[in-house]
Amino acid sequence: MGFGIVKRSVSIAGHRTSISLEEPFWASLREIADRDKISIQALIGRIDAERGEQNLSSAIRVFVLTDLRQRLTTSSSNGTAAL
């Protein structure tokens, strides 16, 4: 299951930066941004503002995992199918 790292450039708080993530994390970010009706760049900006001293790529991975876990918990407690 070898997912390669994909590097993308984004603008955060007025400066350009590169972020390296596995493709499944990029896909999940797109899904979350679509669900929240915001751009991926805006979503990454929000994650960046809340990450503290944590590495941005790591903060994004943790954010995606936390979002997934919350959705699974919510769907489980509602008796609906997950995702």
C-alpha atoms as a PDB file:
ATOM      1  CA  MET A   1       0.000   0.000   0.000  1.00  0.00           C
ATOM      2  CA  GLY A   2       2.581   2.538  -1.088  1.00  0.00           C
ATOM      3  CA  PHE A   3       1.001   5.967  -1.242  1.00  0.00           C
ATOM      4  CA  GLY A   4       3.522   8.464  -2.538  1.00  0.00           C
ATOM      5  CA  ILE A   5       4.030  11.897  -1.091  1.00  0.00           C
ATOM      6  CA  VAL A   6       2.477  14.721  -3.101  1.00  0.00           C
ATOM      7  CA  LYS A   7       3.930  18.206  -2.622  1.00  0.00           C
ATOM      8  CA  ARG A   8       1.689  21.211  -3.229  1.00  0.00           C
ATOM      9  CA  SER A   9       2.170  24.946  -2.771  1.00  0.00           C
ATOM     10  CA  VAL A  10      -0.417  27.056  -0.967  1.00  0.00           C
ATOM     11  CA  SER A  11      -0.684  30.607   0.309  1.00  0.00           C
ATOM     12  CA  ILE A  12      -1.216  30.928   4.050  1.00  0.00           C
ATOM     13  CA  ALA A  13      -1.533  34.298   5.761  1.00  0.00           C
ATOM     14  CA  GLY A  14      -0.051  35.980   2.708  1.00  0.00           C
ATOM     15  CA  HIS A  15       3.011  33.774   2.247  1.00  0.00           C
ATOM     16  CA  ARG A  16       3.614  30.763  -0.007  1.00  0.00           C
ATOM     17  CA  THR A  17       4.572  27.451   1.521  1.00  0.00           C
ATOM     18  CA  SER A  18       4.873  23.865   0.313  1.00  0.00           C
ATOM     19  CA  ILE A  19       3.084  21.014   2.015  1.00  0.00           C
ATOM     20  CA  SER A  20       3.951  17.355   1.504  1.00  0.00           C
ATOM     21  CA  LEU A  21       1.184  14.821   2.185  1.00  0.00           C
ATOM     22  CA  GLU A  22       0.143  11.416   0.943  1.00  0.00           C
ATOM     23  CA  GLU A  23      -2.615  11.578  -1.710  1.00  0.00           C
ATOM     24  CA  PRO A  24      -5.317  10.105   0.589  1.00  0.00           C
ATOM     25  CA  PHE A  25      -4.813  13.084   2.933  1.00  0.00           C
ATOM     26  CA  TRP A  26      -5.136  15.544   0.037  1.00  0.00           C
ATOM     27  CA  ALA A  27      -8.330  13.763  -1.038  1.00  0.00           C
ATOM     28  CA  SER A  28      -9.721  13.930   2.494  1.00  0.00           C
ATOM     29  CA  LEU A  29      -8.893  17.635   2.738  1.00  0.00           C
ATOM     30  CA  ARG A  30     -10.803  18.224  -0.525  1.00  0.00           C
ATOM     31  CA  GLU A  31     -13.818  16.314   0.851  1.00  0.00           C
ATOM     32  CA  ILE A  32     -13.785  18.251   4.134  1.00  0.00           C
ATOM     33  CA  ALA A  33     -13.410  21.584   2.343  1.00  0.00           C
ATOM     34  CA  ASP A  34     -16.281  20.713  -0.017  1.00  0.00           C
ATOM     35  CA  ARG A  35     -18.461  19.657   2.910  1.00  0.00           C
ATOM     36  CA  ASP A  36     -17.673  22.908   4.768  1.00  0.00           C
ATOM     37  CA  LYS A  37     -18.072  24.946   1.548  1.00  0.00           C
ATOM     38  CA  ILE A  38     -14.616  26.517   1.811  1.00  0.00           C
ATOM     39  CA  SER A  39     -11.453  26.262  -0.268  1.00  0.00           C
ATOM     40  CA  ILE A  40      -8.691  23.819   0.610  1.00  0.00           C
ATOM     41  CA  GLN A  41      -6.432  26.840   1.082  1.00  0.00           C
ATOM     42  CA  ALA A  42      -8.867  28.346   3.623  1.00  0.00           C
ATOM     43  CA  LEU A  43      -9.104  25.008   5.430  1.00  0.00           C
ATOM     44  CA  ILE A  44      -5.317  24.711   5.596  1.00  0.00           C
ATOM     45  CA  GLY A  45      -5.183  28.308   6.855  1.00  0.00           C
ATOM     46  CA  ARG A  46      -7.562  27.382   9.677  1.00  0.00           C
ATOM     47  CA  ILE A  47      -5.481  24.322  10.575  1.00  0.00           C
ATOM     48  CA  ASP A  48      -2.313  26.435  10.460  1.00  0.00           C
ATOM     49  CA  ALA A  49      -3.799  29.044  12.822  1.00  0.00           C
ATOM     50  CA  GLU A  50      -4.669  26.353  15.399  1.00  0.00           C
ATOM     51  CA  ARG A  51      -1.591  24.112  15.200  1.00  0.00           C
ATOM     52  CA  GLY A  52       0.700  25.798  17.703  1.00  0.00           C
ATOM     53  CA  GLU A  53       4.248  24.457  17.434  1.00  0.00           C
ATOM     54  CA  GLN A  54       3.228  21.313  15.539  1.00  0.00           C
ATOM     55  CA  ASN A  55       4.579  20.711  12.034  1.00  0.00           C
ATOM     56  CA  LEU A  56       1.933  21.770   9.462  1.00  0.00           C
ATOM     57  CA  SER A  57       1.894  18.466   7.573  1.00  0.00           C
ATOM     58  CA  SER A  58       1.477  16.586  10.855  1.00  0.00           C
ATOM     59  CA  ALA A  59      -1.244  18.996  11.984  1.00  0.00           C
ATOM     60  CA  ILE A  60      -3.141  18.352   8.743  1.00  0.00           C
ATOM     61  CA  ARG A  61      -2.885  14.574   9.176  1.00  0.00           C
ATOM     62  CA  VAL A  62      -4.139  14.817  12.773  1.00  0.00           C
ATOM     63  CA  PHE A  63      -6.965  17.135  11.658  1.00  0.00           C
ATOM     64  CA  VAL A  64      -8.093  14.667   8.963  1.00  0.00           C
ATOM     65  CA  LEU A  65      -7.926  11.740  11.403  1.00  0.00           C
ATOM     66  CA  THR A  66      -9.861  13.666  14.056  1.00  0.00           C
ATOM     67  CA  ASP A  67     -12.531  14.644  11.514  1.00  0.00           C
ATOM     68  CA  LEU A  68     -12.907  11.014  10.423  1.00  0.00           C
ATOM     69  CA  ARG A  69     -13.142   9.775  14.008  1.00  0.00           C
ATOM     70  CA  GLN A  70     -15.785  12.379  14.844  1.00  0.00           C
ATOM     71  CA  ARG A  71     -17.848  11.396  11.807  1.00  0.00           C
ATOM     72  CA  LEU A  72     -17.572   7.709  12.675  1.00  0.00           C
ATOM     73  CA  THR A  73     -18.619   8.373  16.270  1.00  0.00           C
ATOM     74  CA  THR A  74     -21.523  10.570  15.166  1.00  0.00           C
ATOM     75  CA  SER A  75     -22.763   8.093  12.568  1.00  0.00           C
ATOM     76  CA  SER A  76     -22.395   5.217  15.028  1.00  0.00           C
ATOM     77  CA  SER A  77     -24.408   6.985  17.714  1.00  0.00           C
ATOM     78  CA  ASN A  78     -27.087   7.953  15.158  1.00  0.00           C
ATOM     79  CA  GLY A  79     -27.317   4.387  13.901  1.00  0.00           C
ATOM     80  CA  THR A  80     -26.437   5.464  10.361  1.00  0.00           C
ATOM     81  CA  ALA A  81     -23.852   4.054   8.021  1.00  0.00           C
ATOM     82  CA  ALA A  82     -20.373   5.501   8.517  1.00  0.00           C
ATOM     83  CA  LEU A  83     -19.201   7.966   5.874  1.00  0.00           C
END
